[in-house]
Amino acid sequence: MDIQVIEIDAETGKVSFKLSAKPVTGIKKLVQAVILSLFNTPGKDVLNPEWGSGIQDMVSMNFSEDDASEITAELTRKLRKTEGEIQKRQIGLSLPAGERLKELRLMGLRPSSENTEIFATVRIISDLGQQTDIVV
């Protein structure tokens, strides 16, 4: 049984880390796996040093303010890495279709009201066809 370690604001879709004793199943378990992989820094797990996309590394990268294509390309690369890792881990496991990842899709980018941050909306799609959008 997995326990809940993330919380998603129902109105904004923003993700926060919050340990809870609640069991997590279905699409919520899949969402949690995606978020943990996105935010894990490769090299931090000694048993699996390649695991994680290290999305937070984008904070220190230099991107053009006039061209969002660089950010989109880097974020898409990190999403593809996460998608591949999760799908590879699921091979041979007896998981319900709602907990099995079909696809991650970048739905859009938007700047914060102060123009100091960029938020990405990511759609998580299970093999069952369930969809959840998160904002990272």
C-alpha atoms as a PDB file:
ATOM      1  CA  MET A   1       0.000   0.000   0.000  1.00  0.00           C
ATOM      2  CA  ASP A   2       1.272   3.478  -0.882  1.00  0.00           C
ATOM      3  CA  ILE A   3       0.593   6.464   1.364  1.00  0.00           C
ATOM      4  CA  GLN A   4      -0.184   9.980   0.241  1.00  0.00           C
ATOM      5  CA  VAL A   5       2.858  12.266   0.117  1.00  0.00           C
ATOM      6  CA  ILE A   6       1.554  14.988  -2.176  1.00  0.00           C
ATOM      7  CA  GLU A   7      -1.478  17.228  -2.151  1.00  0.00           C
ATOM      8  CA  ILE A   8      -3.030  18.963  -5.152  1.00  0.00           C
ATOM      9  CA  ASP A   9      -5.087  22.111  -4.633  1.00  0.00           C
ATOM     10  CA  ALA A  10      -8.527  21.430  -6.101  1.00  0.00           C
ATOM     11  CA  GLU A  11      -8.902  24.984  -7.457  1.00  0.00           C
ATOM     12  CA  THR A  12      -5.424  25.825  -8.765  1.00  0.00           C
ATOM     13  CA  GLY A  13      -3.960  22.371  -9.420  1.00  0.00           C
ATOM     14  CA  LYS A  14      -0.762  23.412  -7.624  1.00  0.00           C
ATOM     15  CA  VAL A  15       1.230  20.588  -6.080  1.00  0.00           C
ATOM     16  CA  SER A  16       2.608  20.590  -2.536  1.00  0.00           C
ATOM     17  CA  PHE A  17       4.349  17.893  -0.535  1.00  0.00           C
ATOM     18  CA  LYS A  18       2.470  16.819   2.566  1.00  0.00           C
ATOM     19  CA  LEU A  19       2.858  13.464   4.284  1.00  0.00           C
ATOM     20  CA  SER A  20      -0.443  11.865   5.220  1.00  0.00           C
ATOM     21  CA  ALA A  21      -1.367   8.446   6.552  1.00  0.00           C
ATOM     22  CA  LYS A  22      -4.103   8.135   3.911  1.00  0.00           C
ATOM     23  CA  PRO A  23      -3.733   5.277   1.436  1.00  0.00           C
ATOM     24  CA  VAL A  24      -3.567   6.361  -2.198  1.00  0.00           C
ATOM     25  CA  THR A  25      -4.851   4.330  -5.160  1.00  0.00           C
ATOM     26  CA  GLY A  26      -6.015   4.756  -8.737  1.00  0.00           C
ATOM     27  CA  ILE A  27      -5.222   7.916 -10.664  1.00  0.00           C
ATOM     28  CA  LYS A  28      -4.068   9.618  -7.436  1.00  0.00           C
ATOM     29  CA  LYS A  29      -1.357   6.972  -7.027  1.00  0.00           C
ATOM     30  CA  LEU A  30      -0.299   7.542 -10.636  1.00  0.00           C
ATOM     31  CA  VAL A  31      -0.209  11.333 -10.136  1.00  0.00           C
ATOM     32  CA  GLN A  32       1.971  10.864  -7.068  1.00  0.00           C
ATOM     33  CA  ALA A  33       4.405   8.639  -9.011  1.00  0.00           C
ATOM     34  CA  VAL A  34       4.657  11.263 -11.775  1.00  0.00           C
ATOM     35  CA  ILE A  35       5.296  14.128  -9.361  1.00  0.00           C
ATOM     36  CA  LEU A  36       7.903  12.206  -7.379  1.00  0.00           C
ATOM     37  CA  SER A  37       9.745  11.290 -10.585  1.00  0.00           C
ATOM     38  CA  LEU A  38       9.559  14.849 -11.968  1.00  0.00           C
ATOM     39  CA  PHE A  39      11.013  16.339  -8.791  1.00  0.00           C
ATOM     40  CA  ASN A  40      13.599  13.668  -8.031  1.00  0.00           C
ATOM     41  CA  THR A  41      17.140  14.739  -8.923  1.00  0.00           C
ATOM     42  CA  PRO A  42      19.112  12.099 -10.827  1.00  0.00           C
ATOM     43  CA  GLY A  43      21.991  10.842  -8.683  1.00  0.00           C
ATOM     44  CA  LYS A  44      20.170  11.238  -5.349  1.00  0.00           C
ATOM     45  CA  ASP A  45      19.000   7.603  -5.173  1.00  0.00           C
ATOM     46  CA  VAL A  46      22.082   5.395  -4.750  1.00  0.00           C
ATOM     47  CA  LEU A  47      20.138   2.298  -5.785  1.00  0.00           C
ATOM     48  CA  ASN A  48      18.823   3.945  -8.953  1.00  0.00           C
ATOM     49  CA  PRO A  49      21.085   6.918  -9.779  1.00  0.00           C
ATOM     50  CA  GLU A  50      19.491   7.671 -13.166  1.00  0.00           C
ATOM     51  CA  TRP A  51      15.943   7.949 -11.748  1.00  0.00           C
ATOM     52  CA  GLY A  52      14.162  11.302 -11.861  1.00  0.00           C
ATOM     53  CA  SER A  53      13.930  14.213 -14.272  1.00  0.00           C
ATOM     54  CA  GLY A  54      15.249  16.907 -11.941  1.00  0.00           C
ATOM     55  CA  ILE A  55      12.682  19.463 -13.086  1.00  0.00           C
ATOM     56  CA  GLN A  56      13.796  21.863 -10.343  1.00  0.00           C
ATOM     57  CA  ASP A  57      17.161  22.185 -12.150  1.00  0.00           C
ATOM     58  CA  MET A  58      15.334  24.407 -14.648  1.00  0.00           C
ATOM     59  CA  VAL A  59      15.365  27.179 -12.026  1.00  0.00           C
ATOM     60  CA  SER A  60      19.087  27.747 -12.563  1.00  0.00           C
ATOM     61  CA  MET A  61      18.967  27.567 -16.378  1.00  0.00           C
ATOM     62  CA  ASN A  62      19.084  30.665 -18.555  1.00  0.00           C
ATOM     63  CA  PHE A  63      16.135  31.028 -20.903  1.00  0.00           C
ATOM     64  CA  SER A  64      15.240  33.838 -23.268  1.00  0.00           C
ATOM     65  CA  GLU A  65      12.441  36.029 -21.934  1.00  0.00           C
ATOM     66  CA  ASP A  66      11.180  36.515 -25.492  1.00  0.00           C
ATOM     67  CA  ASP A  67      11.093  32.882 -26.574  1.00  0.00           C
ATOM     68  CA  ALA A  68       9.153  30.264 -24.608  1.00  0.00           C
ATOM     69  CA  SER A  69      10.202  27.522 -27.048  1.00  0.00           C
ATOM     70  CA  GLU A  70      13.396  26.848 -25.055  1.00  0.00           C
ATOM     71  CA  ILE A  71      11.428  26.312 -21.847  1.00  0.00           C
ATOM     72  CA  THR A  72       8.843  24.224 -23.682  1.00  0.00           C
ATOM     73  CA  ALA A  73      11.552  22.030 -25.232  1.00  0.00           C
ATOM     74  CA  GLU A  74      13.383  21.443 -21.925  1.00  0.00           C
ATOM     75  CA  LEU A  75      10.168  20.746 -20.034  1.00  0.00           C
ATOM     76  CA  THR A  76       8.988  18.368 -22.763  1.00  0.00           C
ATOM     77  CA  ARG A  77      12.318  16.525 -22.541  1.00  0.00           C
ATOM     78  CA  LYS A  78      11.896  16.113 -18.776  1.00  0.00           C
ATOM     79  CA  LEU A  79       8.299  14.928 -19.199  1.00  0.00           C
ATOM     80  CA  ARG A  80       9.376  12.312 -21.793  1.00  0.00           C
ATOM     81  CA  LYS A  81      12.076  11.070 -19.394  1.00  0.00           C
ATOM     82  CA  THR A  82       9.554  10.765 -16.554  1.00  0.00           C
ATOM     83  CA  GLU A  83       7.008   9.085 -18.824  1.00  0.00           C
ATOM     84  CA  GLY A  84       9.570   6.521 -20.003  1.00  0.00           C
ATOM     85  CA  GLU A  85      10.831   5.801 -16.489  1.00  0.00           C
ATOM     86  CA  ILE A  86       7.366   5.194 -15.087  1.00  0.00           C
ATOM     87  CA  GLN A  87       6.248   3.067 -18.026  1.00  0.00           C
ATOM     88  CA  LYS A  88       9.448   0.995 -17.766  1.00  0.00           C
ATOM     89  CA  ARG A  89       8.884   0.453 -14.017  1.00  0.00           C
ATOM     90  CA  GLN A  90       5.326  -0.716 -14.709  1.00  0.00           C
ATOM     91  CA  ILE A  91       6.341  -3.480 -17.125  1.00  0.00           C
ATOM     92  CA  GLY A  92       5.464  -6.867 -15.682  1.00  0.00           C
ATOM     93  CA  LEU A  93       3.573  -5.415 -12.717  1.00  0.00           C
ATOM     94  CA  SER A  94      -0.035  -6.342 -12.102  1.00  0.00           C
ATOM     95  CA  LEU A  95      -1.427  -2.819 -11.772  1.00  0.00           C
ATOM     96  CA  PRO A  96      -4.999  -1.658 -12.327  1.00  0.00           C
ATOM     97  CA  ALA A  97      -5.378   0.349 -15.571  1.00  0.00           C
ATOM     98  CA  GLY A  98      -6.097   3.482 -13.503  1.00  0.00           C
ATOM     99  CA  GLU A  99      -2.612   3.246 -11.952  1.00  0.00           C
ATOM    100  CA  ARG A 100      -0.794   2.568 -15.232  1.00  0.00           C
ATOM    101  CA  LEU A 101       0.607   5.565 -17.171  1.00  0.00           C
ATOM    102  CA  LYS A 102      -0.421   5.982 -20.778  1.00  0.00           C
ATOM    103  CA  GLU A 103       0.876   9.493 -21.452  1.00  0.00           C
ATOM    104  CA  LEU A 104       2.114  12.789 -20.033  1.00  0.00           C
ATOM    105  CA  ARG A 105       1.122  15.868 -22.003  1.00  0.00           C
ATOM    106  CA  LEU A 106       2.298  19.467 -21.622  1.00  0.00           C
ATOM    107  CA  MET A 107      -0.893  21.517 -21.855  1.00  0.00           C
ATOM    108  CA  GLY A 108       0.573  24.984 -21.536  1.00  0.00           C
ATOM    109  CA  LEU A 109       2.791  27.501 -19.798  1.00  0.00           C
ATOM    110  CA  ARG A 110       1.802  30.700 -18.021  1.00  0.00           C
ATOM    111  CA  PRO A 111       3.789  33.319 -16.108  1.00  0.00           C
ATOM    112  CA  SER A 112       2.971  34.242 -12.523  1.00  0.00           C
ATOM    113  CA  SER A 113       1.256  37.575 -11.929  1.00  0.00           C
ATOM    114  CA  GLU A 114       4.626  39.028 -10.852  1.00  0.00           C
ATOM    115  CA  ASN A 115       6.363  37.572 -13.949  1.00  0.00           C
ATOM    116  CA  THR A 116       8.922  35.890 -11.693  1.00  0.00           C
ATOM    117  CA  GLU A 117       7.797  32.284 -12.196  1.00  0.00           C
ATOM    118  CA  ILE A 118       6.446  30.128 -14.974  1.00  0.00           C
ATOM    119  CA  PHE A 119       3.793  27.523 -14.270  1.00  0.00           C
ATOM    120  CA  ALA A 120       3.382  24.478 -16.478  1.00  0.00           C
ATOM    121  CA  THR A 121       0.130  22.555 -16.722  1.00  0.00           C
ATOM    122  CA  VAL A 122       0.772  18.851 -17.233  1.00  0.00           C
ATOM    123  CA  ARG A 123      -1.945  16.331 -18.079  1.00  0.00           C
ATOM    124  CA  ILE A 124      -1.505  12.824 -16.686  1.00  0.00           C
ATOM    125  CA  ILE A 125      -3.448  10.166 -18.599  1.00  0.00           C
ATOM    126  CA  SER A 126      -3.902   6.605 -17.307  1.00  0.00           C
ATOM    127  CA  ASP A 127      -4.438   3.479 -19.389  1.00  0.00           C
ATOM    128  CA  LEU A 128      -8.041   3.607 -18.161  1.00  0.00           C
ATOM    129  CA  GLY A 129      -8.405   6.991 -19.881  1.00  0.00           C
ATOM    130  CA  GLN A 130      -8.664   8.967 -16.661  1.00  0.00           C
ATOM    131  CA  GLN A 131      -7.016  12.401 -16.833  1.00  0.00           C
ATOM    132  CA  THR A 132      -5.735  14.780 -14.195  1.00  0.00           C
ATOM    133  CA  ASP A 133      -4.052  18.135 -14.725  1.00  0.00           C
ATOM    134  CA  ILE A 134      -1.350  19.320 -12.352  1.00  0.00           C
ATOM    135  CA  VAL A 135       0.488  22.642 -12.220  1.00  0.00           C
ATOM    136  CA  VAL A 136       4.238  22.591 -11.585  1.00  0.00           C
END
